[in-house]
Protein backbone atom coordinates (compact mmCIF):
# COMPACT_ATOMS: atom_id res chain seq x y z
CA MET A 1 56.36 15.02 15.65
CA LYS A 2 57.99 17.32 12.72
CA SER A 3 61.17 19.70 14.18
CA ILE A 4 61.71 22.91 13.34
CA LYS A 5 64.82 23.84 12.15
CA SER A 6 65.82 28.06 13.83
CA LYS A 7 67.37 29.26 16.30
CA ILE A 8 65.53 32.12 18.66
CA TYR A 9 66.68 34.65 20.48
CA ALA A 10 65.13 36.89 22.59
CA ILE A 11 65.62 39.11 26.43
CA PHE A 12 63.30 38.33 29.40
CA LEU A 13 65.27 40.10 32.60
CA GLY A 14 68.42 40.16 31.01
CA LEU A 15 68.53 35.99 30.67
CA LEU A 16 69.47 34.84 27.18
CA ILE A 17 66.50 32.49 25.76
CA VAL A 18 67.82 30.02 23.32
CA SER A 19 66.74 27.30 21.31
CA CYS A 20 65.42 23.90 22.80
CA SER A 21 68.47 21.78 22.42
CA GLY A 22 67.65 19.24 20.10
CA TYR A 23 64.36 20.49 18.66
CA LEU A 24 65.65 24.32 17.43
CA ASP A 25 68.70 23.69 15.76
CA GLU A 26 70.16 26.74 13.69
CA GLU A 27 69.89 26.20 9.66
CA ASN A 28 69.29 28.71 6.64
CA LEU A 29 66.86 27.09 4.96
CA GLY A 30 68.00 28.38 1.33
CA ASN A 31 67.89 31.37 2.91
CA THR A 32 64.53 31.46 3.66
CA THR A 33 63.87 34.60 5.61
CA ALA A 34 61.74 33.47 9.22
CA GLU A 35 58.99 35.70 7.72
CA ASN A 36 58.26 33.61 4.51
CA PHE A 37 59.14 30.72 6.18
CA TYR A 38 56.65 30.65 9.06
CA SER A 39 54.29 32.04 6.64
CA THR A 40 53.81 28.61 4.84
CA LYS A 41 51.87 26.30 6.34
CA ASP A 42 54.97 23.76 6.90
CA GLY A 43 57.09 26.33 8.47
CA TYR A 44 53.83 27.42 10.64
CA GLU A 45 53.52 23.75 11.92
CA GLY A 46 57.46 23.67 12.54
CA LEU A 47 56.72 26.21 15.07
CA VAL A 48 54.03 24.45 16.41
CA ASN A 49 55.68 21.90 17.46
CA ALA A 50 58.71 23.73 18.43
CA THR A 51 56.39 24.88 20.99
CA TYR A 52 55.05 20.95 21.85
CA ALA A 53 59.00 20.62 22.54
CA THR A 54 59.45 23.16 25.00
CA LEU A 55 57.16 20.70 27.22
CA ARG A 56 60.42 18.53 27.73
CA ASP A 57 62.44 20.83 28.29
CA VAL A 58 60.41 22.02 31.20
CA TYR A 59 59.94 18.51 32.46
CA GLU A 60 63.55 16.93 31.48
CA PRO A 61 65.64 17.64 35.45
CA THR A 62 65.30 15.05 38.05
CA PRO A 63 61.56 16.30 39.41
CA TYR A 64 62.69 17.73 42.77
CA ILE A 65 60.44 21.11 42.41
CA PHE A 66 57.71 18.70 41.79
CA CYS A 67 58.17 15.97 44.41
CA ALA A 68 60.70 16.78 47.24
CA GLY A 69 59.22 18.47 50.39
CA THR A 70 56.33 16.62 50.55
CA ASP A 71 54.47 14.18 52.97
CA LEU A 72 54.84 11.37 50.07
CA PHE A 73 58.59 11.71 49.64
CA PHE A 74 61.91 12.57 51.48
CA ALA A 75 65.53 13.49 50.94
CA ALA A 76 67.54 10.50 51.73
CA HIS A 77 70.61 11.38 49.76
CA PRO A 78 72.57 14.76 49.80
CA GLU A 79 71.72 15.17 45.80
CA VAL A 80 68.43 16.49 46.78
CA PRO A 81 68.83 19.98 47.08
CA LEU A 82 67.89 20.77 50.80
CA GLY A 83 66.00 24.11 50.66
CA LEU A 84 63.41 22.13 48.24
CA ALA A 85 63.50 19.09 50.96
CA SER A 86 62.73 20.95 53.60
CA TYR A 87 62.61 24.32 53.04
CA GLN A 88 64.70 26.28 56.07
CA THR A 89 67.97 26.99 53.70
CA LEU A 90 65.62 27.40 50.81
CA THR A 91 66.72 30.84 49.27
CA PRO A 92 66.57 32.94 45.69
CA GLY A 93 69.94 31.03 44.78
CA GLU A 94 68.53 28.24 44.50
CA ALA A 95 69.59 26.37 40.88
CA ASN A 96 66.54 24.52 40.47
CA VAL A 97 63.92 27.33 41.04
CA GLU A 98 65.91 29.28 38.73
CA ARG A 99 65.71 26.88 36.14
CA LEU A 100 62.11 26.27 36.38
CA PHE A 101 61.17 30.34 35.69
CA ARG A 102 64.18 30.53 33.31
CA SER A 103 62.54 27.52 31.24
CA LEU A 104 58.93 28.34 31.62
CA TYR A 105 59.96 31.82 30.37
CA GLN A 106 61.77 30.67 27.34
CA SER A 107 58.99 28.40 26.92
CA ILE A 108 56.69 31.34 26.46
CA GLN A 109 58.79 33.04 24.59
CA ILE A 110 58.25 30.25 21.69
CA ALA A 111 55.01 30.33 22.50
CA ASN A 112 54.80 33.68 21.42
CA LEU A 113 56.72 33.55 19.15
CA ALA A 114 53.91 30.94 16.92
CA LEU A 115 50.91 33.31 17.91
CA HIS A 116 52.73 36.17 16.76
CA TYR A 117 52.96 34.20 13.18
CA ALA A 118 49.41 33.47 13.85
CA ASP A 119 48.14 35.91 12.09
CA LYS A 120 50.54 35.86 9.30
CA VAL A 121 50.11 32.25 8.27
CA GLU A 122 48.57 30.84 5.06
CA ASP A 123 45.10 29.49 5.93
CA PHE A 124 44.96 25.94 6.34
CA PRO A 125 42.61 23.21 7.84
CA GLU A 126 43.99 23.01 10.87
CA LEU A 127 45.15 26.32 11.56
CA GLN A 128 42.64 27.57 14.37
CA SER A 129 43.50 24.04 15.94
CA ARG A 130 46.99 25.18 16.11
CA ILE A 131 46.66 28.44 17.44
CA ALA A 132 44.35 27.24 20.10
CA GLU A 133 47.00 24.10 21.04
CA VAL A 134 49.68 26.53 21.39
CA LYS A 135 47.07 29.48 23.49
CA ALA A 136 46.84 26.39 25.66
CA ILE A 137 50.16 25.34 26.42
CA ARG A 138 51.20 29.08 27.05
CA ALA A 139 48.45 29.40 29.58
CA TYR A 140 49.16 26.00 31.23
CA TYR A 141 53.44 27.30 31.66
CA TYR A 142 51.56 30.14 33.45
CA PHE A 143 48.97 28.59 35.64
CA MET A 144 52.87 26.63 36.31
CA LEU A 145 54.16 29.58 37.49
CA VAL A 146 51.36 31.25 39.26
CA GLN A 147 51.23 28.23 41.44
CA GLN A 148 55.12 28.31 42.51
CA PHE A 149 55.96 32.12 42.11
CA GLY A 150 52.57 33.82 42.71
CA ASP A 151 52.87 37.63 41.10
CA VAL A 152 54.89 37.04 38.10
CA SER A 153 54.77 39.05 34.76
CA ILE A 154 52.38 38.13 31.47
CA VAL A 155 54.38 38.56 28.08
CA GLU A 156 51.95 38.13 25.73
CA ASN A 157 53.58 39.33 23.03
CA LEU A 158 57.31 38.46 21.13
CA VAL A 159 60.13 39.66 22.81
CA ASN A 160 62.87 40.75 20.02
CA GLN A 161 64.57 43.14 21.56
CA PRO A 162 66.49 43.88 25.13
CA ILE A 163 63.75 45.14 28.26
CA THR A 164 65.19 46.10 31.01
CA HIS A 165 62.09 45.73 33.22
CA PHE A 166 59.01 43.93 33.77
CA GLU A 167 56.41 44.57 35.87
CA ARG A 168 54.93 41.49 38.17
CA ASP A 169 51.32 41.08 37.47
CA SER A 170 49.23 40.54 40.18
CA ALA A 171 48.36 36.69 40.40
CA SER A 172 44.64 37.70 40.68
CA ASN A 173 45.71 38.95 36.79
CA VAL A 174 47.50 36.09 35.92
CA TYR A 175 44.67 33.88 36.79
CA GLN A 176 42.44 35.45 34.86
CA PHE A 177 44.82 35.76 31.90
CA ILE A 178 45.04 32.26 32.14
CA ILE A 179 41.19 31.43 32.08
CA ASP A 180 40.91 33.62 29.45
CA GLN A 181 43.21 32.03 27.25
CA MET A 182 42.18 28.58 27.62
CA THR A 183 38.77 29.19 27.45
CA GLU A 184 39.38 30.80 24.15
CA ALA A 185 41.38 27.96 23.24
CA ILE A 186 38.32 25.48 24.36
CA VAL A 187 36.39 27.14 21.26
CA ASP A 188 38.57 25.84 18.83
CA LEU A 189 40.42 22.61 20.49
CA PRO A 190 38.75 19.36 18.68
CA PRO A 191 37.72 16.16 20.82
CA THR A 192 40.00 13.92 19.79
CA GLN A 193 43.36 14.60 17.53
CA SER A 194 45.27 12.89 14.99
CA ASN A 195 48.60 12.67 16.56
CA PHE A 196 48.55 11.37 20.19
CA GLY A 197 50.05 14.35 22.48
CA ARG A 198 48.31 17.41 20.86
CA VAL A 199 46.04 18.88 23.04
CA THR A 200 42.57 18.31 22.87
CA LYS A 201 39.15 19.72 24.03
CA ARG A 202 39.13 17.87 27.14
CA ALA A 203 42.94 18.17 28.19
CA ALA A 204 42.01 21.58 27.95
CA GLN A 205 39.26 21.38 30.08
CA HIS A 206 40.97 19.27 32.47
CA ILE A 207 43.65 22.30 33.49
CA LEU A 208 41.42 24.64 33.09
CA ALA A 209 39.14 23.13 35.78
CA LYS A 210 42.56 22.85 37.91
CA VAL A 211 42.81 26.25 37.24
CA TYR A 212 39.42 27.18 38.85
CA LEU A 213 39.67 24.84 41.82
CA THR A 214 43.20 26.49 42.49
CA ARG A 215 41.91 29.73 42.19
CA GLY A 216 39.04 28.93 44.23
CA TYR A 217 40.84 28.68 47.41
CA GLU A 218 43.22 31.78 46.80
CA THR A 219 41.45 35.25 48.78
CA TYR A 220 41.23 36.77 45.54
CA GLY A 221 39.28 33.91 44.21
CA GLU A 222 35.29 33.57 43.33
CA GLY A 223 34.89 30.81 45.82
CA VAL A 224 31.82 28.51 45.27
CA ALA A 225 31.68 29.82 41.68
CA ASP A 226 35.22 29.10 41.00
CA PHE A 227 34.77 25.33 42.24
CA THR A 228 31.11 25.24 40.64
CA LYS A 229 32.99 25.80 37.38
CA ALA A 230 35.97 23.59 38.03
CA ALA A 231 33.64 20.87 38.74
CA THR A 232 31.30 21.13 35.41
CA LEU A 233 34.65 21.39 33.17
CA ALA A 234 36.04 18.41 35.26
CA ASP A 235 33.00 16.43 34.13
CA GLU A 236 33.08 18.10 30.63
CA ALA A 237 36.26 16.27 30.24
CA ILE A 238 35.11 12.89 31.39
CA ASN A 239 32.74 13.51 28.71
CA GLY A 240 30.97 10.03 30.29
CA GLN A 241 34.20 7.99 29.88
CA GLY A 242 34.74 5.50 32.67
CA LEU A 243 38.13 3.75 34.47
CA ASN A 244 38.20 0.84 31.94
CA LEU A 245 41.83 0.24 32.06
CA ALA A 246 43.28 -1.84 35.05
CA PHE A 247 45.36 0.31 36.92
CA GLY A 248 48.48 -1.23 36.74
CA ASP A 249 48.01 -1.16 32.54
CA LEU A 250 48.06 3.13 32.95
CA PHE A 251 52.28 3.18 33.23
CA LYS A 252 52.93 -0.42 31.61
CA TYR A 253 55.61 -0.77 29.31
CA LYS A 254 55.50 0.52 26.00
CA ASN A 255 51.11 1.64 27.03
CA ASP A 256 52.00 5.34 26.98
CA LYS A 257 49.41 6.26 24.51
CA ASN A 258 46.22 4.41 26.53
CA GLU A 259 43.14 5.57 26.31
CA GLU A 260 43.37 7.55 29.63
CA ILE A 261 45.74 9.80 28.93
CA LEU A 262 44.27 12.87 27.93
CA TRP A 263 47.82 15.06 27.57
CA SER A 264 51.25 13.83 28.31
CA VAL A 265 54.80 14.93 27.49
CA GLN A 266 55.79 12.65 24.51
CA TYR A 267 59.13 10.35 24.56
CA ASN A 268 59.32 7.45 21.98
CA LYS A 269 62.02 5.06 21.64
CA SER A 270 65.22 6.69 20.02
CA ASN A 271 68.80 6.15 19.92
CA SER A 272 71.21 6.86 23.11
CA GLY A 273 71.69 10.54 23.15
CA GLU A 274 68.40 11.85 21.95
CA VAL A 275 66.31 14.41 24.35
CA SER A 276 65.06 12.32 27.67
CA HIS A 277 63.99 12.89 31.12
CA ASN A 278 65.15 11.78 34.33
CA TRP A 279 61.81 11.09 36.03
CA ASP A 280 62.78 7.64 36.75
CA TYR A 281 66.47 8.43 38.65
CA PRO A 282 65.45 9.25 42.06
CA TRP A 283 63.25 6.75 43.34
CA GLY A 284 65.28 3.77 44.09
CA PRO A 285 66.42 1.56 45.20
CA LEU A 286 70.39 1.63 44.57
CA VAL A 287 70.77 0.42 40.83
CA GLN A 288 74.23 1.58 39.60
CA GLY A 289 76.47 -0.46 36.70
CA ALA A 290 73.61 -2.96 36.16
CA ASN A 291 74.12 -4.73 32.48
CA ASP A 292 70.76 -2.77 31.55
CA GLY A 293 72.57 0.08 31.79
CA VAL A 294 69.86 1.83 34.09
CA ILE A 295 70.42 3.97 36.90
CA LYS A 296 68.13 4.76 40.19
CA LYS A 297 69.43 5.95 43.23
CA ASN A 298 67.54 6.47 46.85
CA THR A 299 67.53 9.71 46.28
CA LEU A 300 63.45 10.74 47.69
CA HIS A 301 62.73 7.65 49.24
CA PRO A 302 58.51 7.47 50.34
CA THR A 303 57.72 8.12 53.59
CA GLU A 304 55.89 5.67 55.93
CA TYR A 305 52.22 7.76 55.35
CA LEU A 306 53.00 7.01 51.49
CA PHE A 307 53.53 3.09 52.01
CA THR A 308 50.94 2.38 54.55
CA LEU A 309 48.27 4.36 53.09
CA PHE A 310 47.07 1.41 50.99
CA ASP A 311 44.34 -1.16 52.09
CA ASP A 312 45.49 -4.71 51.30
CA ASN A 313 43.58 -5.14 48.30
CA ASP A 314 44.28 -1.59 46.77
CA THR A 315 45.69 -2.37 43.33
CA ARG A 316 47.31 0.93 43.32
CA PHE A 317 50.19 -0.32 45.34
CA GLU A 318 51.52 -2.97 43.07
CA GLY A 319 50.64 -0.02 40.26
CA THR A 320 52.76 2.23 41.91
CA PHE A 321 55.28 0.49 43.32
CA LEU A 322 57.45 -2.57 42.13
CA ASN A 323 56.97 -5.36 44.71
CA ILE A 324 60.18 -7.39 43.39
CA LYS A 325 63.72 -6.75 42.66
CA THR A 326 65.02 -8.24 39.71
CA ASN A 327 68.74 -8.25 38.37
CA PRO A 328 69.05 -7.23 35.91
CA TYR A 329 66.53 -4.12 37.07
CA THR A 330 64.03 -4.10 33.98
CA GLY A 331 64.48 -8.19 33.72
CA TYR A 332 60.81 -8.08 35.28
CA LEU A 333 60.10 -5.61 31.78
CA LEU A 334 62.30 -7.16 29.36
CA ASN A 335 62.53 -10.94 30.04
CA PRO A 336 60.26 -11.76 33.20
CA THR A 337 60.27 -15.71 32.40
CA THR A 338 63.83 -15.69 32.56
CA THR A 339 64.84 -13.33 35.04
CA PRO A 340 65.65 -14.43 38.78
CA VAL A 341 63.95 -12.35 41.70
CA GLN A 342 66.42 -11.07 44.11
CA TYR A 343 63.89 -9.64 46.44
CA TYR A 344 59.74 -9.86 47.25
CA TYR A 345 58.41 -6.97 49.26
CA PRO A 346 55.10 -8.46 50.45
CA ARG A 347 53.07 -6.31 52.33
CA THR A 348 49.82 -7.67 53.50
CA ALA A 349 49.26 -10.79 55.91
CA ALA A 350 47.81 -12.63 52.83
CA GLN A 351 50.74 -11.85 50.68
CA ILE A 352 53.08 -12.86 53.65
CA ALA A 353 50.96 -16.01 54.32
CA ASP A 354 51.10 -16.78 50.23
CA VAL A 355 55.01 -16.36 50.03
CA PRO A 356 55.27 -20.75 49.70
CA ASN A 357 52.53 -20.58 46.56
CA TRP A 358 54.32 -17.50 45.31
CA ARG A 359 57.79 -19.31 45.21
CA ALA A 360 56.36 -22.65 43.73
CA GLU A 361 54.88 -20.62 40.80
CA ASP A 362 58.46 -19.96 39.76
CA PRO A 363 60.98 -22.32 41.48
CA VAL A 364 63.51 -21.72 39.25
CA ASN A 365 63.60 -17.51 39.52
CA ARG A 366 62.29 -17.66 42.97
CA THR A 367 63.82 -20.38 45.45
CA ASN A 368 66.99 -17.73 46.46
CA THR A 369 64.44 -14.92 46.40
CA ILE A 370 64.93 -12.92 49.65
CA ILE A 371 61.38 -11.91 51.37
CA SER A 372 61.22 -8.70 52.58
CA PRO A 373 58.01 -8.03 54.10
CA MET A 374 56.79 -4.45 54.98
CA ASP A 375 58.32 -2.86 58.15
CA PRO A 376 60.01 0.36 59.27
CA HIS A 377 63.13 -0.66 57.13
CA TRP A 378 60.82 0.21 54.00
CA TRP A 379 61.02 3.52 54.95
CA ASP A 380 64.56 4.04 56.11
CA GLY A 381 66.09 6.57 54.50
CA LEU A 382 69.29 4.62 55.01
CA ASN A 383 68.21 1.32 53.00
CA GLN A 384 69.79 1.88 49.86
CA THR A 385 68.70 -1.27 48.88
CA ASP A 386 65.85 -3.08 49.81
CA TYR A 387 62.53 -1.09 49.39
CA PRO A 388 59.60 -1.39 46.58
CA ALA A 389 60.64 1.20 43.76
CA LEU A 390 58.37 3.45 42.39
CA LYS A 391 58.16 2.14 39.00
CA LYS A 392 55.82 4.67 36.84
CA PHE A 393 58.54 5.73 34.68
CA ASP A 394 60.96 3.17 34.39
CA ARG A 395 63.02 3.22 31.32
CA VAL A 396 64.44 0.84 29.36
CA GLN A 397 68.14 1.07 28.04
CA THR A 398 70.03 -2.31 26.22
CA ALA A 399 73.50 -2.23 25.36
CA VAL A 400 74.31 -2.38 22.16
CA PRO A 401 72.89 -0.97 20.07
CA SER A 402 72.16 1.79 22.34
CA VAL A 403 68.40 2.23 22.01
CA GLN A 404 66.42 3.59 25.54
CA TYR A 405 62.72 3.74 26.27
CA THR A 406 61.54 6.60 28.40
CA HIS A 407 58.20 6.78 29.41
CA ASP A 408 55.76 9.63 28.52
CA ILE A 409 55.12 12.15 32.10
CA TYR A 410 51.05 12.30 32.01
CA LEU A 411 50.13 16.06 32.74
CA ALA A 412 46.40 15.20 32.46
CA ARG A 413 44.63 11.69 33.01
CA LEU A 414 41.44 10.54 33.61
CA GLY A 415 42.19 8.99 37.48
CA GLU A 416 43.11 12.96 37.98
CA THR A 417 39.83 14.10 36.11
CA TYR A 418 37.57 12.30 38.38
CA LEU A 419 39.56 14.00 41.83
CA ILE A 420 39.31 17.08 40.48
CA ALA A 421 35.50 17.06 39.83
CA ALA A 422 35.16 14.87 43.28
CA GLU A 423 37.14 17.99 45.10
CA ALA A 424 35.44 20.50 43.27
CA TYR A 425 31.78 19.27 43.93
CA LEU A 426 32.80 18.53 47.52
CA LYS A 427 33.97 22.53 48.00
CA SER A 428 30.64 23.92 46.02
CA ASN A 429 28.62 22.27 49.04
CA ASN A 430 27.65 18.75 46.67
CA PRO A 431 28.91 16.33 48.61
CA GLY A 432 26.77 13.52 47.13
CA ASN A 433 28.74 14.04 43.60
CA ALA A 434 32.21 14.32 45.61
CA ILE A 435 31.49 11.10 46.58
CA ALA A 436 30.41 9.42 43.44
CA ARG A 437 33.71 10.59 41.66
CA VAL A 438 35.49 9.73 44.37
CA ASN A 439 34.00 5.86 44.10
CA THR A 440 34.41 5.76 40.57
CA VAL A 441 38.34 5.72 41.20
CA ARG A 442 37.90 3.17 44.42
CA GLN A 443 36.36 0.91 42.49
CA ARG A 444 38.76 0.88 39.67
CA ALA A 445 41.11 0.07 42.57
CA GLY A 446 39.18 -2.67 43.58
CA VAL A 447 38.51 -0.90 47.34
CA SER A 448 35.62 -0.76 48.80
CA VAL A 449 33.17 2.34 48.02
CA VAL A 450 32.96 5.23 50.72
CA GLY A 451 29.87 7.44 51.84
CA ASN A 452 31.62 9.95 53.19
CA VAL A 453 34.30 11.89 51.89
CA ASP A 454 36.03 15.73 53.14
CA ILE A 455 39.31 17.08 52.14
CA ASP A 456 41.74 15.36 53.67
CA PHE A 457 40.14 12.04 52.37
CA ILE A 458 40.83 13.69 48.88
CA LEU A 459 44.07 14.18 49.55
CA ASP A 460 44.84 10.73 50.83
CA GLU A 461 43.22 9.69 48.06
CA ARG A 462 45.10 11.87 45.55
CA ALA A 463 48.13 10.31 47.05
CA ARG A 464 47.27 6.75 46.18
CA GLU A 465 46.52 7.72 42.78
CA LEU A 466 49.23 10.22 41.66
CA ALA A 467 52.03 9.12 43.84
CA GLY A 468 55.13 10.29 41.99
CA GLU A 469 53.40 12.37 39.26
CA GLY A 470 54.61 15.59 40.18
CA PHE A 471 51.25 17.06 41.86
CA ARG A 472 51.73 16.84 45.34
CA TRP A 473 53.31 19.81 46.19
CA LEU A 474 50.90 22.09 44.39
CA ASP A 475 47.84 20.04 46.15
CA LEU A 476 49.50 20.84 49.38
CA LYS A 477 49.57 24.17 48.71
CA ARG A 478 46.55 24.69 46.93
CA THR A 479 44.19 23.24 50.01
CA GLY A 480 46.79 24.77 52.66
CA LYS A 481 48.09 21.73 53.73
CA LEU A 482 51.67 22.04 53.10
CA ILE A 483 52.99 22.42 56.93
CA ASP A 484 50.33 20.70 58.78
CA TYR A 485 51.24 17.53 56.69
CA THR A 486 54.74 17.58 56.13
CA LYS A 487 55.35 18.49 60.21
CA VAL A 488 54.11 15.04 60.87
CA ARG A 489 54.44 12.78 57.81
CA ASN A 490 58.07 14.21 56.45
CA PRO A 491 60.95 12.79 58.37
CA ASP A 492 63.45 16.27 57.77
CA ILE A 493 60.92 18.57 58.24
CA LYS A 494 59.46 16.94 61.73
CA GLY A 495 62.39 16.87 62.87
CA LEU A 496 63.20 20.53 62.51
CA PHE A 497 59.62 21.17 63.99
CA ASP A 498 60.51 18.71 66.76
CA GLY A 499 63.46 20.58 67.54
CA GLY A 500 61.69 23.32 68.23
CA THR A 501 62.18 25.01 63.96
CA ASN A 502 59.84 26.03 61.68
CA PRO A 503 61.44 25.77 58.50
CA PHE A 504 58.99 27.64 56.56
CA LEU A 505 59.41 31.06 58.70
CA GLY A 506 61.40 33.39 56.34
CA ILE A 507 63.51 36.24 57.26
CA ASP A 508 60.84 38.75 57.60
CA GLY A 509 58.61 36.41 59.59
CA GLN A 510 56.27 35.50 56.79
CA LEU A 511 55.93 31.58 55.60
CA LYS A 512 57.93 30.38 52.65
CA ILE A 513 54.88 29.14 50.84
CA LEU A 514 55.36 29.96 47.29
CA ARG A 515 58.99 29.56 45.74
CA PRO A 516 61.58 32.18 45.69
CA ILE A 517 61.98 34.94 42.95
CA PRO A 518 65.61 33.97 41.45
CA LEU A 519 68.37 35.78 42.05
CA ALA A 520 69.05 36.45 38.72
CA VAL A 521 65.81 37.84 38.06
CA ILE A 522 65.77 40.45 40.53
CA SER A 523 69.54 41.43 39.87
CA LEU A 524 69.38 41.78 36.25
CA ASP A 525 66.33 44.36 36.16
CA ASN A 526 66.86 47.79 36.23
CA GLY A 527 64.28 48.26 38.31
CA GLU A 528 62.66 46.73 40.81
CA TYR A 529 61.20 43.79 40.70
CA PRO A 530 60.16 42.61 44.33
CA GLN A 531 60.61 39.27 45.93
CA ASN A 532 58.31 36.87 47.73
CA PRO A 533 57.64 36.82 51.11
CA GLY A 534 59.51 35.08 53.28
CA TYR A 535 62.73 35.65 51.08
């Protein structure tokens, strides 16, 4: 997508909103004013593309706020913020929480700028679609905010002068705003786009299905009515498409633009120094100073629950985890026939029994391989080097010239759409359809179909399908399972509970389920901006 050259300044709660680095750089194009430039097709297209670029800013950091403190991964390194990993020390000063809050509102402001010029720009064939795309992205950002923070301020118009106080809108009103905006967007969004990565009707239906599903659990939600709408929207997003790809192909090297991706944050091969994300970094095992330029650390370590969750023939395990370790690390991608295998990680009895045949298939690269079958050392947080790495976001960086491949981040993909439908059908008292949607996902994975599901099974299925993709904390919060699951499956949190401490219990006797409102927001507001319970 094209970039747009400009710099935007505005104030939200006293926080300076600046341009997205690498995308919005100050440049005066022949003394053209913003009013004139954004009223042209090219100017407006650039502004829409700048809105898309904000997705990269939101998702750029190491994904601790999305993946830490769940039942799938625990903190195995002091780099992981302790408050996000085990909640007890989570405070309004947590930098990762403030960054998310800040980047979401900065991104909303850029979307507001695009919508501000929507009725000032010259007409062109794609205009209504572009407006709908921006509305959908902004609604998605508000969905992120309301799930993380609860009551938040709805800033619907362009802020072009300092504002010293904002009121927090109720979560109920925020959800209604999201639903209204996404519903409007769906009307004007096309079923397909010429540029992969633009929001389509099906992508918006997927997100809106998740919005209704999430609101249905809330006391202010509409219960069965919300779940029914979620199920209908999810099926509309599915649109009769089956899960035709092998699971391992979904995250395959250079296969980011596959048929099952409804919407993603785009990262193309680019020169070193261009924008990228850090989602490949925390999954270990330790890879540092390798000659392929890859750095991975054991910071977010898979739990015993996650490692042992897969049936023997579930292809999602090998599609999620790298069951070998090569040197260099990315040799398994770039030079699989000539790169020695240091470790092999068989997990089933059949795989262990077949090790001699496995070696014989490639004696040059496998004769000296260390065989490391599944046992408790896999989920020992002190184990820095010898366990299967989560590979979904593996990047490639060669030495000279330094060219980097950064994997796209999937925001909506078809496998999850089926599981959204399954959960929505279950909650709307239609277990037959719930079972059918789950079994579609399981059949692609090569495991047996089931005849009964409950919410725990669906969450197990979501763990198998979506591990590491940034949804688990939201899943557990949505379904009310955050404390119940983590206190028995996450060793950090379990240790606190076993010692008699509930790390979720806040200073006011309330539970820390929502994230804290950042201290900078409260201190810079000239009025009263209330803190969330527990902080």
